[in-house]
Amino acid sequence: MSVLTILLLLATGLVAGFINTVAGGGSVISLPVLVEVVGASVANGTNRVAILMQNIVGAASFHHGGKVPWKFVGVLLGPTVAGAAIGAWVATLVPAEVMKRIFGLVIILVALSVLVGPSRWMREGESKLREPWRSLAFFGIGLYGGFVQAGVGFLLLAGLVLGGGLGLVRGNAAKVVTILVYTPVTLFLFARASQVDLQAGLILGVGNMGGALVASRLAIKKGAGWIRWVLVVAATAAALRMLL
């Protein structure tokens, strides 16, 4: 692997890790780069190495800052992990060309999900999701995250903030922990299918860890106001990338 490729992966990881930790859609940046570096059939699984490294750092930072709602998250882990395992298994069977088209569709959906009424993300309140709908919703989110990963942060934030009543800071902390728990399962399934380039994933992951550390500390220090704009900018950038 050339020095230029290593630097590209590190820089990509830094940006993706930052965006993933406080918003979502960072994989929209990292996946196209990985497609060029390791190929479309391996990019999805390789990205999970960096996601795992990123969320270890992010979860530790949010926990240290006292922002992780552990009891709330614990109830959601079962259905989310189950969905993610099924989604990852399905993804290992999908041809590379189909996966490219899925990546493009996901980017557009990610942009639309945040641009429609972003002010709703600022309000805290009581949980609107009740059982069994809560478990079904997070099973579906896990299914999507296991299958693609790109944009799952937005879906988790929607479930945690809009559906669960958490604020953006605690919602982000819960999102990071949830992804951290299900990622080893999905990574194992991709690795078993020989769809992981460990070297590229580790290099990208170093960048992701740096971005996650900066983002989590800023989220704890500055609160929710600026996170909304990261959400909007991340979604807009993703939309523009597809249109141009």
Protein backbone atom coordinates (compact mmCIF):
# COMPACT_ATOMS: atom_id res chain seq x y z
CA MET A 1 0.00 0.00 0.00
CA SER A 2 1.43 3.38 -1.02
CA VAL A 3 2.09 6.25 1.36
CA LEU A 4 -0.49 8.35 -0.50
CA THR A 5 -3.15 5.68 0.01
CA ILE A 6 -2.32 5.46 3.72
CA LEU A 7 -2.61 9.23 4.12
CA LEU A 8 -5.89 9.20 2.18
CA LEU A 9 -7.34 6.52 4.48
CA LEU A 10 -6.17 8.35 7.62
CA ALA A 11 -7.67 11.66 6.48
CA THR A 12 -10.90 9.98 5.39
CA GLY A 13 -11.16 8.20 8.72
CA LEU A 14 -10.61 11.41 10.67
CA VAL A 15 -13.49 13.16 8.92
CA ALA A 16 -15.76 10.10 8.91
CA GLY A 17 -15.13 9.38 12.60
CA PHE A 18 -15.99 12.94 13.56
CA ILE A 19 -19.21 13.00 11.55
CA ASN A 20 -20.28 9.51 12.65
CA THR A 21 -19.86 10.34 16.34
CA VAL A 22 -21.94 13.51 16.50
CA ALA A 23 -24.31 12.98 13.60
CA GLY A 24 -24.20 10.14 11.09
CA GLY A 25 -23.34 9.52 7.48
CA GLY A 26 -19.59 9.36 7.93
CA SER A 27 -19.57 6.08 6.06
CA VAL A 28 -20.92 8.00 3.08
CA ILE A 29 -17.40 9.47 2.95
CA SER A 30 -15.39 6.38 3.84
CA LEU A 31 -17.22 3.79 1.71
CA PRO A 32 -16.53 5.40 -1.70
CA VAL A 33 -12.85 5.71 -0.76
CA LEU A 34 -12.75 2.07 0.33
CA VAL A 35 -14.47 1.01 -2.89
CA GLU A 36 -11.57 2.57 -4.82
CA VAL A 37 -8.89 1.17 -2.50
CA VAL A 38 -10.09 -2.40 -1.78
CA GLY A 39 -13.06 -2.91 -4.12
CA ALA A 40 -16.82 -2.77 -3.65
CA SER A 41 -17.18 -6.38 -2.51
CA VAL A 42 -14.79 -5.82 0.42
CA ALA A 43 -15.51 -2.16 1.27
CA ASN A 44 -18.61 -2.80 3.39
CA GLY A 45 -16.89 -5.32 5.64
CA THR A 46 -13.60 -3.40 5.83
CA ASN A 47 -15.44 -0.29 6.98
CA ARG A 48 -16.66 -2.23 10.05
CA VAL A 49 -13.09 -2.47 11.38
CA ALA A 50 -12.85 1.32 11.48
CA ILE A 51 -16.37 1.65 12.89
CA LEU A 52 -15.47 -0.69 15.76
CA MET A 53 -12.29 1.25 16.59
CA GLN A 54 -14.11 4.58 16.32
CA ASN A 55 -16.92 3.60 18.68
CA ILE A 56 -14.61 2.15 21.32
CA VAL A 57 -13.07 5.60 21.66
CA GLY A 58 -16.40 7.44 21.37
CA ALA A 59 -18.18 5.26 23.93
CA ALA A 60 -15.32 5.58 26.42
CA SER A 61 -15.31 9.36 26.04
CA PHE A 62 -19.09 9.72 26.43
CA HIS A 63 -19.04 7.36 29.44
CA HIS A 64 -16.27 9.37 31.06
CA GLY A 65 -18.39 12.49 30.54
CA GLY A 66 -21.40 10.83 32.18
CA LYS A 67 -23.59 11.09 29.07
CA VAL A 68 -24.44 7.44 28.35
CA PRO A 69 -28.03 6.46 29.39
CA TRP A 70 -27.04 2.86 30.12
CA LYS A 71 -30.44 1.60 31.31
CA PHE A 72 -32.17 3.03 28.25
CA VAL A 73 -29.58 1.55 25.89
CA GLY A 74 -29.62 -1.87 27.55
CA VAL A 75 -33.26 -2.48 26.65
CA LEU A 76 -32.56 -1.79 22.96
CA LEU A 77 -29.46 -3.91 22.47
CA GLY A 78 -31.21 -7.27 22.01
CA PRO A 79 -33.43 -6.38 19.04
CA THR A 80 -30.77 -4.12 17.48
CA VAL A 81 -28.02 -6.76 17.58
CA ALA A 82 -30.40 -9.42 16.24
CA GLY A 83 -31.36 -7.20 13.33
CA ALA A 84 -27.73 -6.28 12.62
CA ALA A 85 -26.67 -9.93 12.50
CA ILE A 86 -29.36 -10.78 9.94
CA GLY A 87 -28.60 -7.67 7.89
CA ALA A 88 -24.86 -8.42 7.77
CA TRP A 89 -25.50 -12.01 6.74
CA VAL A 90 -27.71 -10.86 3.86
CA ALA A 91 -25.09 -8.29 2.81
CA THR A 92 -22.43 -10.99 2.41
CA LEU A 93 -24.59 -12.58 -0.29
CA VAL A 94 -25.21 -9.44 -2.38
CA PRO A 95 -23.10 -8.95 -5.56
CA ALA A 96 -20.67 -6.01 -5.67
CA GLU A 97 -22.52 -4.14 -8.44
CA VAL A 98 -25.76 -4.27 -6.49
CA MET A 99 -23.93 -3.00 -3.40
CA LYS A 100 -22.70 0.05 -5.34
CA ARG A 101 -26.27 0.97 -6.22
CA ILE A 102 -27.36 0.50 -2.62
CA PHE A 103 -24.61 2.88 -1.45
CA GLY A 104 -25.91 5.56 -3.82
CA LEU A 105 -29.53 5.16 -2.73
CA VAL A 106 -28.55 5.24 0.94
CA ILE A 107 -26.71 8.55 0.54
CA ILE A 108 -29.83 10.22 -0.89
CA LEU A 109 -32.06 8.81 1.87
CA VAL A 110 -29.61 9.96 4.54
CA ALA A 111 -29.73 13.52 3.24
CA LEU A 112 -33.51 13.61 3.11
CA SER A 113 -33.92 12.15 6.61
CA VAL A 114 -32.17 15.11 8.23
CA LEU A 115 -33.18 17.97 5.95
CA VAL A 116 -36.89 17.42 6.70
CA GLY A 117 -37.67 19.32 9.91
CA PRO A 118 -34.25 19.38 11.63
CA SER A 119 -35.59 21.58 14.46
CA ARG A 120 -37.48 18.57 15.85
CA TRP A 121 -34.12 17.10 16.81
CA MET A 122 -33.54 19.81 19.41
CA ARG A 123 -36.43 19.01 21.76
CA GLU A 124 -36.26 16.57 24.67
CA GLY A 125 -39.32 14.81 26.03
CA GLU A 126 -40.89 11.54 27.01
CA SER A 127 -40.42 8.40 24.96
CA LYS A 128 -42.98 8.14 22.15
CA LEU A 129 -42.14 4.53 21.26
CA ARG A 130 -43.81 1.84 23.35
CA GLU A 131 -43.38 -1.92 23.24
CA PRO A 132 -43.59 -3.86 21.00
CA TRP A 133 -43.09 -1.02 18.52
CA ARG A 134 -39.84 0.07 20.13
CA SER A 135 -38.25 -3.36 19.73
CA LEU A 136 -39.55 -3.68 16.18
CA ALA A 137 -38.21 -0.24 15.26
CA PHE A 138 -34.72 -0.94 16.61
CA PHE A 139 -34.70 -4.42 15.07
CA GLY A 140 -35.32 -2.71 11.73
CA ILE A 141 -32.60 -0.14 12.36
CA GLY A 142 -30.19 -2.93 13.29
CA LEU A 143 -31.14 -4.81 10.13
CA TYR A 144 -30.27 -1.77 8.05
CA GLY A 145 -27.05 -1.10 9.98
CA GLY A 146 -25.89 -4.67 9.56
CA PHE A 147 -26.63 -4.56 5.86
CA VAL A 148 -25.10 -1.21 4.85
CA GLN A 149 -23.97 0.86 7.90
CA ALA A 150 -23.91 4.13 5.90
CA GLY A 151 -26.53 6.40 7.44
CA VAL A 152 -27.48 4.11 10.33
CA GLY A 153 -26.40 6.85 12.74
CA PHE A 154 -29.21 9.07 11.45
CA LEU A 155 -31.75 6.28 11.89
CA LEU A 156 -30.53 5.53 15.42
CA LEU A 157 -30.65 9.21 16.35
CA ALA A 158 -34.18 9.43 14.99
CA GLY A 159 -35.20 6.47 17.14
CA LEU A 160 -33.34 7.67 20.22
CA VAL A 161 -34.11 11.41 20.02
CA LEU A 162 -37.45 11.64 18.23
CA GLY A 163 -38.79 8.29 19.42
CA GLY A 164 -37.00 7.86 22.74
CA GLY A 165 -37.05 11.46 23.98
CA LEU A 166 -33.30 11.75 24.53
CA GLY A 167 -31.45 14.99 23.86
CA LEU A 168 -28.89 15.12 21.06
CA VAL A 169 -25.88 14.67 23.34
CA ARG A 170 -27.25 11.66 25.25
CA GLY A 171 -28.79 10.38 22.03
CA ASN A 172 -25.39 10.45 20.36
CA ALA A 173 -23.84 8.67 23.34
CA ALA A 174 -26.52 5.95 23.18
CA LYS A 175 -26.04 5.66 19.42
CA VAL A 176 -22.27 5.18 19.77
CA VAL A 177 -22.68 2.46 22.42
CA THR A 178 -25.35 0.64 20.39
CA ILE A 179 -23.21 0.54 17.25
CA LEU A 180 -20.21 -0.55 19.32
CA VAL A 181 -22.14 -3.56 20.64
CA TYR A 182 -23.46 -4.86 17.31
CA THR A 183 -20.37 -4.13 15.17
CA PRO A 184 -18.29 -7.15 16.35
CA VAL A 185 -21.14 -9.43 15.25
CA THR A 186 -21.34 -7.89 11.78
CA LEU A 187 -17.56 -7.77 11.45
CA PHE A 188 -17.31 -11.48 12.24
CA LEU A 189 -19.86 -12.33 9.54
CA PHE A 190 -18.08 -10.23 6.91
CA ALA A 191 -14.70 -11.68 7.90
CA ARG A 192 -16.07 -15.23 7.66
CA ALA A 193 -17.18 -14.41 4.12
CA SER A 194 -13.64 -13.10 3.31
CA GLN A 195 -14.97 -9.57 2.79
CA VAL A 196 -12.59 -7.68 5.10
CA ASP A 197 -9.25 -6.08 4.22
CA LEU A 198 -7.75 -5.87 7.69
CA GLN A 199 -4.82 -3.63 6.77
CA ALA A 200 -6.99 -0.97 5.13
CA GLY A 201 -9.55 -1.22 7.93
CA LEU A 202 -6.95 -0.68 10.66
CA ILE A 203 -5.42 2.32 8.90
CA LEU A 204 -8.83 3.87 8.32
CA GLY A 205 -9.71 3.04 11.92
CA VAL A 206 -6.81 5.06 13.32
CA GLY A 207 -8.26 8.11 11.59
CA ASN A 208 -11.77 7.25 12.77
CA MET A 209 -10.56 7.03 16.36
CA GLY A 210 -9.06 10.51 16.18
CA GLY A 211 -12.26 11.95 14.75
CA ALA A 212 -14.39 10.19 17.36
CA LEU A 213 -12.28 11.51 20.23
CA VAL A 214 -12.50 15.11 19.04
CA ALA A 215 -16.23 14.87 18.28
CA SER A 216 -17.25 13.26 21.58
CA ARG A 217 -15.32 15.79 23.64
CA LEU A 218 -16.85 18.69 21.71
CA ALA A 219 -20.34 17.22 22.13
CA ILE A 220 -19.90 16.95 25.90
CA LYS A 221 -18.39 20.43 26.20
CA LYS A 222 -20.58 22.45 23.82
CA GLY A 223 -23.95 20.68 24.08
CA ALA A 224 -26.60 20.05 21.45
CA GLY A 225 -26.90 23.34 19.55
CA TRP A 226 -23.95 22.92 17.20
CA ILE A 227 -24.70 19.23 16.60
CA ARG A 228 -27.86 20.17 14.72
CA TRP A 229 -25.81 22.07 12.17
CA VAL A 230 -23.41 19.16 11.77
CA LEU A 231 -26.46 17.03 10.98
CA VAL A 232 -27.69 19.49 8.35
CA VAL A 233 -24.26 20.04 6.77
CA ALA A 234 -23.49 16.32 6.68
CA ALA A 235 -26.80 15.57 4.98
CA THR A 236 -26.47 18.43 2.50
CA ALA A 237 -22.92 17.42 1.56
CA ALA A 238 -24.06 13.85 0.99
CA ALA A 239 -26.88 15.03 -1.28
CA LEU A 240 -24.58 17.30 -3.29
CA ARG A 241 -22.10 14.50 -3.76
CA MET A 242 -24.78 12.43 -5.46
CA LEU A 243 -26.13 15.27 -7.62
CA LEU A 244 -22.80 16.55 -8.97
